[in-house]
Amino acid sequence: QVQLVESGGGLVQAGGSLRLSCAASGSIFDINTMAWYRQAPGKQRDVVAAITSGGSTSYSDSVKGRFTISRDNAKNTVYLQMNSLKPEDTAVYYCNAAIKGYSGPAPRDYYRTDYWGKGTLVTVSS
């Protein structure tokens, strides 16, 4: 069974920094794209940043230049370094990953699924 666990959220003043981490564990064969999403109260969940297995990155316009996504493939972990935080960055941040897992040794036992973490709350005070 595969799971994603986020950490690093908390309360920070505007202009401050936080670093989020998300570790994937379980029966993992490989991981394709990993991404961070966020959902503010009363709003839809939106993508913040994404990174492919090869290291190509993309960002939403609202965080470009302030946030940096990175990954450690050996640790199956993705990070989000958030600098110059603003009150509008306040949200629950979710980790997402496209993972090929396995339940047994045969080819039919391999499957690719989108996984989500449970989220970590980031609160930026003004």
Foldseek 3Di string as FASTA:
>chain_A
DKAKAKDWADEEAAQAKIKMKIFIDDQFDAWFKKFKWWDAPPGDIGTAKMATPVGDIDGDPVQPPFKDWDDDRVRRMIMIIGGRDDQVVWTWMKMKIFTWGADDDDPVRTDTDIHMHPTDTHGYHD
